N, C-alpha and C. Protein backbone atom coordinates (compact mmCIF):
# COMPACT_ATOMS: atom_id res chain seq x y z
N MET A 1 -1.13 22.14 5.54
CA MET A 1 -2.23 21.96 4.61
C MET A 1 -3.58 21.99 5.19
N ALA A 2 -4.56 22.81 4.97
CA ALA A 2 -5.77 22.68 5.71
C ALA A 2 -6.66 21.28 5.10
N GLU A 3 -7.58 20.93 6.01
CA GLU A 3 -8.13 19.82 5.76
C GLU A 3 -9.46 20.30 4.77
N ASN A 4 -9.46 19.46 3.71
CA ASN A 4 -10.97 19.66 2.70
C ASN A 4 -12.01 18.69 3.33
N LYS A 5 -13.07 19.75 4.13
CA LYS A 5 -14.09 18.99 4.83
C LYS A 5 -14.87 18.23 3.75
N GLY A 6 -15.34 18.95 2.63
CA GLY A 6 -15.99 18.26 1.68
C GLY A 6 -15.48 17.02 1.16
N LEU A 7 -14.15 17.03 0.76
CA LEU A 7 -13.66 15.82 0.43
C LEU A 7 -13.53 14.67 1.60
N ALA A 8 -13.18 15.07 2.72
CA ALA A 8 -13.05 14.20 3.81
C ALA A 8 -14.71 13.48 4.15
N GLU A 9 -15.52 14.33 3.86
CA GLU A 9 -16.71 13.58 3.99
C GLU A 9 -17.26 12.71 2.91
N PHE A 10 -17.04 13.18 1.89
CA PHE A 10 -17.17 12.28 0.72
C PHE A 10 -16.43 10.92 0.95
N ASN A 11 -15.15 10.84 1.17
CA ASN A 11 -14.52 9.74 1.30
C ASN A 11 -14.97 8.92 2.42
N LYS A 12 -15.49 9.44 3.30
CA LYS A 12 -16.18 8.77 4.53
C LYS A 12 -17.30 7.96 4.25
N LYS A 13 -18.35 8.66 3.25
CA LYS A 13 -19.19 8.02 2.60
C LYS A 13 -19.09 6.81 1.79
N GLN A 14 -17.73 6.87 1.31
CA GLN A 14 -17.46 5.64 0.47
C GLN A 14 -16.93 4.49 1.26
N LEU A 15 -16.72 4.64 2.36
CA LEU A 15 -16.24 3.54 3.05
C LEU A 15 -17.21 2.37 3.21
N LYS A 16 -16.97 1.02 3.13
CA LYS A 16 -17.81 0.01 3.33
C LYS A 16 -17.66 -0.64 4.85
N GLY A 17 -17.01 -0.13 5.53
CA GLY A 17 -16.86 -0.38 6.87
C GLY A 17 -16.08 0.77 7.43
N SER A 18 -15.65 0.56 8.75
CA SER A 18 -15.00 1.50 9.73
C SER A 18 -13.43 1.64 8.96
N PRO A 19 -12.81 2.76 9.11
CA PRO A 19 -11.68 3.00 8.52
C PRO A 19 -10.69 1.79 8.96
N VAL A 20 -9.70 1.28 8.20
CA VAL A 20 -8.66 0.24 8.61
C VAL A 20 -7.45 0.66 9.26
N THR A 21 -6.98 0.35 10.27
CA THR A 21 -5.46 0.59 10.67
C THR A 21 -4.92 -0.75 10.99
N LEU A 22 -3.93 -0.92 10.22
CA LEU A 22 -3.18 -2.28 10.27
C LEU A 22 -2.31 -2.31 11.59
N ASN A 23 -2.35 -3.24 12.03
CA ASN A 23 -1.43 -3.45 13.42
C ASN A 23 -0.25 -4.18 12.93
N ALA A 24 0.76 -4.11 13.66
CA ALA A 24 2.05 -4.72 13.28
C ALA A 24 2.17 -5.96 12.52
N ARG A 25 1.31 -7.15 13.02
CA ARG A 25 1.34 -8.09 12.35
C ARG A 25 0.56 -8.04 10.86
N GLN A 26 -0.34 -7.30 10.86
CA GLN A 26 -0.95 -7.16 9.47
C GLN A 26 -0.23 -6.34 8.62
N ARG A 27 0.85 -5.33 9.25
CA ARG A 27 1.67 -4.65 8.31
C ARG A 27 2.83 -5.58 7.68
N ILE A 28 3.23 -6.58 8.59
CA ILE A 28 4.23 -7.35 8.20
C ILE A 28 3.50 -8.45 7.10
N ALA A 29 2.43 -9.03 7.09
CA ALA A 29 1.78 -9.78 6.18
C ALA A 29 1.57 -8.96 4.91
N VAL A 30 1.21 -7.91 4.90
CA VAL A 30 1.17 -6.86 3.64
C VAL A 30 2.57 -6.72 3.06
N GLY A 31 3.53 -6.66 3.78
CA GLY A 31 4.84 -6.30 3.30
C GLY A 31 5.37 -7.75 2.49
N GLU A 32 4.80 -9.00 3.31
CA GLU A 32 5.43 -10.12 2.59
C GLU A 32 4.62 -10.23 1.45
N ALA A 33 3.36 -10.07 1.32
CA ALA A 33 2.49 -10.11 0.15
C ALA A 33 3.09 -9.44 -0.95
N ILE A 34 3.55 -8.22 -0.71
CA ILE A 34 4.19 -7.28 -1.73
C ILE A 34 5.39 -8.07 -2.52
N GLU A 35 6.17 -8.32 -1.52
CA GLU A 35 7.56 -9.04 -1.88
C GLU A 35 7.09 -10.22 -2.81
N GLU A 36 6.05 -11.14 -2.48
CA GLU A 36 5.92 -12.18 -3.32
C GLU A 36 5.19 -11.73 -4.57
N VAL A 37 4.35 -10.76 -4.49
CA VAL A 37 3.91 -10.59 -5.92
C VAL A 37 4.99 -9.99 -6.93
N CYS A 38 5.86 -9.22 -6.31
CA CYS A 38 7.18 -8.58 -7.07
C CYS A 38 7.94 -10.05 -7.45
N GLU A 39 8.17 -10.94 -6.58
CA GLU A 39 8.89 -12.01 -7.02
C GLU A 39 8.27 -12.81 -8.26
N TYR A 40 6.86 -13.13 -8.19
CA TYR A 40 6.27 -13.98 -9.01
C TYR A 40 6.26 -13.17 -10.23
N ARG A 41 5.97 -11.94 -10.32
CA ARG A 41 5.74 -11.40 -11.74
C ARG A 41 7.16 -10.61 -12.22
N LYS A 42 8.25 -10.92 -11.42
CA LYS A 42 9.56 -10.60 -11.80
C LYS A 42 9.46 -8.89 -11.88
N TRP A 43 8.78 -8.28 -10.90
CA TRP A 43 9.04 -6.66 -10.83
C TRP A 43 9.92 -6.44 -9.92
N ILE A 44 10.71 -5.44 -9.92
CA ILE A 44 11.94 -4.92 -9.08
C ILE A 44 11.29 -3.98 -7.92
N LEU A 45 11.37 -4.41 -6.74
CA LEU A 45 10.70 -3.81 -5.73
C LEU A 45 11.86 -2.73 -5.17
N ARG A 46 11.86 -1.88 -5.35
CA ARG A 46 12.91 -0.59 -4.89
C ARG A 46 12.65 0.02 -3.71
N ALA A 47 11.52 0.01 -3.15
CA ALA A 47 11.32 0.62 -1.72
C ALA A 47 9.66 0.19 -1.30
N ILE A 48 9.54 0.07 0.11
CA ILE A 48 8.33 -0.31 0.60
C ILE A 48 8.06 0.37 1.97
N ASN A 49 7.18 0.93 2.31
CA ASN A 49 6.72 1.16 3.69
C ASN A 49 5.25 1.10 4.10
N VAL A 50 5.22 0.14 4.67
CA VAL A 50 3.68 -0.33 4.95
C VAL A 50 3.35 0.62 6.35
N ARG A 51 2.37 1.36 6.13
CA ARG A 51 1.82 2.08 7.41
C ARG A 51 0.70 1.74 8.04
N THR A 52 0.06 2.37 8.91
CA THR A 52 -1.12 1.83 9.46
C THR A 52 -2.27 2.05 8.92
N ASN A 53 -2.35 3.09 7.77
CA ASN A 53 -3.58 3.22 7.08
C ASN A 53 -3.16 3.51 5.33
N HIS A 54 -1.88 3.12 5.18
CA HIS A 54 -1.66 3.21 3.90
C HIS A 54 -0.27 2.67 3.45
N VAL A 55 0.05 2.34 2.29
CA VAL A 55 1.30 1.53 1.85
C VAL A 55 2.05 2.38 0.91
N HIS A 56 3.24 2.43 0.75
CA HIS A 56 3.84 3.26 -0.29
C HIS A 56 4.90 2.15 -0.93
N ILE A 57 4.92 2.17 -2.07
CA ILE A 57 5.50 1.02 -2.83
C ILE A 57 6.35 1.52 -4.11
N LEU A 58 7.61 1.41 -4.09
CA LEU A 58 8.20 2.06 -5.36
C LEU A 58 8.61 0.83 -6.10
N VAL A 59 8.23 0.59 -7.33
CA VAL A 59 8.58 -0.89 -7.97
C VAL A 59 8.60 -0.46 -9.59
N SER A 60 9.48 -1.40 -9.90
CA SER A 60 9.65 -1.11 -11.49
C SER A 60 8.94 -2.37 -12.09
N ILE A 61 7.89 -2.14 -12.81
CA ILE A 61 6.85 -3.16 -13.62
C ILE A 61 6.91 -3.33 -14.93
N GLY A 62 8.00 -2.62 -15.69
CA GLY A 62 8.10 -2.94 -16.96
C GLY A 62 6.82 -2.42 -17.93
N VAL A 63 6.51 -3.25 -18.82
CA VAL A 63 5.46 -2.68 -19.57
C VAL A 63 4.09 -3.02 -18.81
N GLU A 64 4.09 -3.51 -17.80
CA GLU A 64 2.82 -3.81 -16.98
C GLU A 64 1.93 -2.45 -16.86
N SER A 65 0.50 -2.64 -16.71
CA SER A 65 -0.10 -1.54 -16.57
C SER A 65 -0.24 -1.06 -15.13
N PRO A 66 -0.07 0.01 -14.73
CA PRO A 66 0.17 0.46 -13.25
C PRO A 66 -0.97 0.16 -12.38
N SER A 67 -2.37 0.19 -13.17
CA SER A 67 -3.63 -0.42 -12.60
C SER A 67 -3.60 -1.70 -12.13
N LYS A 68 -3.02 -2.53 -13.38
CA LYS A 68 -3.01 -3.80 -12.72
C LYS A 68 -2.02 -4.25 -11.69
N ALA A 69 -0.85 -3.64 -11.56
CA ALA A 69 -0.12 -3.82 -10.66
C ALA A 69 -0.52 -3.26 -9.32
N LEU A 70 -1.30 -2.37 -9.07
CA LEU A 70 -2.01 -1.95 -8.05
C LEU A 70 -2.80 -2.91 -7.58
N ASN A 71 -3.85 -3.31 -8.59
CA ASN A 71 -4.78 -4.34 -8.14
C ASN A 71 -4.13 -5.61 -7.66
N SER A 72 -3.02 -6.06 -8.18
CA SER A 72 -2.16 -7.18 -7.81
C SER A 72 -1.63 -7.09 -6.43
N PHE A 73 -1.16 -5.88 -5.89
CA PHE A 73 -0.66 -5.63 -4.63
C PHE A 73 -1.81 -5.78 -3.71
N LYS A 74 -3.00 -5.21 -4.08
CA LYS A 74 -4.19 -5.27 -3.14
C LYS A 74 -4.70 -6.80 -2.91
N ALA A 75 -4.43 -7.42 -4.00
CA ALA A 75 -5.46 -8.84 -4.01
C ALA A 75 -4.40 -9.68 -3.12
N TYR A 76 -3.03 -9.69 -3.61
CA TYR A 76 -2.34 -10.14 -2.83
C TYR A 76 -2.02 -10.12 -1.08
N ALA A 77 -2.15 -8.73 -0.84
CA ALA A 77 -2.07 -8.54 0.53
C ALA A 77 -3.32 -8.98 1.20
N THR A 78 -4.53 -8.80 0.46
CA THR A 78 -5.58 -9.05 1.20
C THR A 78 -5.84 -10.80 1.39
N ARG A 79 -5.22 -11.58 0.39
CA ARG A 79 -5.27 -12.95 0.49
C ARG A 79 -4.44 -13.41 1.58
N LYS A 80 -3.08 -12.71 1.59
CA LYS A 80 -2.27 -12.88 2.74
C LYS A 80 -2.68 -12.80 4.04
N MET A 81 -3.40 -11.56 4.17
CA MET A 81 -3.95 -11.47 5.63
C MET A 81 -5.04 -12.19 6.00
N ARG A 82 -5.88 -12.68 5.00
CA ARG A 82 -6.94 -13.77 5.33
C ARG A 82 -6.41 -15.11 5.53
N GLU A 83 -5.26 -15.46 5.05
CA GLU A 83 -4.62 -16.92 5.24
C GLU A 83 -3.93 -16.76 6.59
N LYS A 84 -3.51 -15.61 7.16
CA LYS A 84 -3.04 -15.82 8.40
C LYS A 84 -3.91 -15.38 9.52
N GLY A 85 -5.33 -15.14 8.94
CA GLY A 85 -6.35 -14.90 10.00
C GLY A 85 -6.54 -13.50 10.57
N PHE A 86 -5.78 -12.60 9.57
CA PHE A 86 -5.88 -11.17 10.43
C PHE A 86 -6.72 -10.22 9.53
N TRP A 87 -7.59 -10.76 8.44
CA TRP A 87 -8.70 -10.01 7.87
C TRP A 87 -9.98 -11.06 7.76
N GLU A 88 -11.00 -10.74 8.33
CA GLU A 88 -11.84 -11.79 8.25
C GLU A 88 -13.22 -11.25 7.62
N ASN A 89 -13.36 -9.90 6.93
CA ASN A 89 -14.29 -9.37 6.32
C ASN A 89 -14.44 -9.72 5.08
N ASN A 90 -15.69 -9.68 4.45
CA ASN A 90 -15.84 -10.05 2.85
C ASN A 90 -15.43 -8.87 1.99
N TYR A 91 -15.36 -7.58 2.42
CA TYR A 91 -14.97 -6.50 1.80
C TYR A 91 -13.31 -6.24 1.79
N SER A 92 -12.68 -5.56 0.76
CA SER A 92 -11.33 -5.49 0.72
C SER A 92 -11.15 -4.23 1.75
N PRO A 93 -9.81 -4.34 2.45
CA PRO A 93 -9.43 -3.37 3.29
C PRO A 93 -8.77 -2.03 2.61
N TRP A 94 -8.72 -2.15 1.47
CA TRP A 94 -8.13 -1.34 0.50
C TRP A 94 -9.07 -0.05 -0.30
N SER A 95 -8.97 1.11 -0.32
CA SER A 95 -9.64 1.93 -1.02
C SER A 95 -9.70 1.71 -2.63
N ASN A 96 -10.67 2.39 -3.37
CA ASN A 96 -10.91 2.09 -4.69
C ASN A 96 -9.71 2.74 -5.51
N LYS A 97 -8.87 3.44 -4.94
CA LYS A 97 -7.90 4.18 -5.59
C LYS A 97 -6.49 3.98 -5.19
N GLY A 98 -5.65 4.73 -5.84
CA GLY A 98 -4.24 4.61 -5.45
C GLY A 98 -3.41 5.33 -6.38
N SER A 99 -2.45 5.92 -5.75
CA SER A 99 -1.59 6.69 -6.70
C SER A 99 -0.70 6.30 -7.26
N LYS A 100 -0.40 6.43 -8.84
CA LYS A 100 0.31 5.74 -9.69
C LYS A 100 1.24 6.57 -10.42
N ARG A 101 2.47 6.70 -10.38
CA ARG A 101 3.33 7.89 -11.01
C ARG A 101 4.35 7.09 -11.84
N TYR A 102 4.44 7.74 -12.78
CA TYR A 102 5.69 7.29 -13.89
C TYR A 102 7.08 8.11 -13.23
N LEU A 103 8.12 7.24 -13.19
CA LEU A 103 9.59 7.92 -12.63
C LEU A 103 10.26 7.72 -13.88
N TRP A 104 10.95 8.93 -14.53
CA TRP A 104 11.48 8.68 -15.83
C TRP A 104 13.13 8.52 -15.80
N ASN A 105 13.74 9.04 -14.68
CA ASN A 105 15.18 9.04 -14.64
C ASN A 105 15.57 8.63 -13.05
N GLU A 106 16.83 8.40 -12.95
CA GLU A 106 17.29 7.72 -11.76
C GLU A 106 17.39 8.79 -10.63
N ARG A 107 17.23 10.00 -11.11
CA ARG A 107 17.01 10.98 -9.79
C ARG A 107 15.80 10.89 -9.21
N SER A 108 14.57 10.98 -10.08
CA SER A 108 13.36 10.59 -9.58
C SER A 108 13.07 9.46 -8.77
N ILE A 109 13.67 8.46 -9.15
CA ILE A 109 13.44 7.28 -8.36
C ILE A 109 14.40 7.18 -7.08
N GLU A 110 15.45 7.92 -6.99
CA GLU A 110 16.11 7.92 -5.93
C GLU A 110 15.36 8.84 -4.95
N THR A 111 14.73 9.94 -5.39
CA THR A 111 14.23 11.03 -4.60
C THR A 111 12.68 10.27 -4.06
N ALA A 112 12.18 9.34 -4.95
CA ALA A 112 11.01 8.96 -4.45
C ALA A 112 11.36 7.61 -3.48
N ALA A 113 12.35 6.82 -3.47
CA ALA A 113 12.88 5.86 -2.61
C ALA A 113 13.16 6.55 -1.23
N ASN A 114 13.49 7.65 -1.22
CA ASN A 114 14.16 8.20 -0.18
C ASN A 114 12.55 8.67 0.75
N TYR A 115 11.97 9.25 -0.24
CA TYR A 115 10.46 9.55 0.23
C TYR A 115 9.93 8.36 0.96
N VAL A 116 9.90 7.20 0.37
CA VAL A 116 9.20 6.11 0.90
C VAL A 116 9.72 5.50 2.15
N GLU A 117 10.95 5.49 1.97
CA GLU A 117 12.13 5.01 3.13
C GLU A 117 11.90 5.94 4.31
N ASN A 118 12.14 7.13 4.08
CA ASN A 118 12.35 8.15 5.14
C ASN A 118 11.31 9.27 5.37
N GLY A 119 10.45 9.44 4.49
CA GLY A 119 9.62 10.47 4.54
C GLY A 119 8.33 10.24 5.12
N GLN A 120 8.26 9.06 6.01
CA GLN A 120 6.81 8.80 6.33
C GLN A 120 6.54 8.89 8.03
N GLY A 121 7.58 9.38 8.25
CA GLY A 121 7.80 9.62 10.05
C GLY A 121 8.39 8.49 10.61
N GLY A 122 8.50 8.38 12.08
CA GLY A 122 9.07 7.52 12.66
C GLY A 122 8.51 5.86 12.81
N GLU A 123 9.20 5.21 13.55
CA GLU A 123 8.73 3.68 13.81
C GLU A 123 7.15 3.83 14.06
N LEU A 124 6.73 2.81 13.77
CA LEU A 124 5.05 2.58 14.11
C LEU A 124 5.11 1.82 15.42
N PRO A 125 3.93 2.26 16.31
CA PRO A 125 3.90 1.44 17.59
C PRO A 125 3.25 -0.04 17.12
N ASP A 126 3.52 -0.91 18.11
CA ASP A 126 2.90 -2.16 17.95
C ASP A 126 1.81 -2.24 18.97
N PHE A 127 0.65 -2.14 18.17
CA PHE A 127 -0.59 -1.98 18.97
C PHE A 127 -1.65 -3.32 18.92
N ASP A 128 -1.00 -4.40 18.86
CA ASP A 128 -1.60 -5.70 18.61
C ASP A 128 -2.52 -6.04 19.89
């Protein structure tokens, strides 16, 4: 897919700081935070893949609002990174958006889980 230079430039102007690249320790902290929010809210975490510049989560949230769930994940992850000393900025490391999709049957859930777990590329480097 060709890069949309106009969209890339718009997104760059929206940044509050330099683009964030999560190192191995930050990725682990983000994963822990996502597991914690799911446990606390009794959501079913079906798949997770924390990458260097984004996170994929497949979760069953019942009747909860997808926007509220996304905000909870971002808040827990930021808090966890701050507690561990991995994020010292006052602003959030996350974008203001995020993909939220409804999956209506087991086949679509299985397909999405496979994508999250196996469709993101290989193991990530540890560049701490």
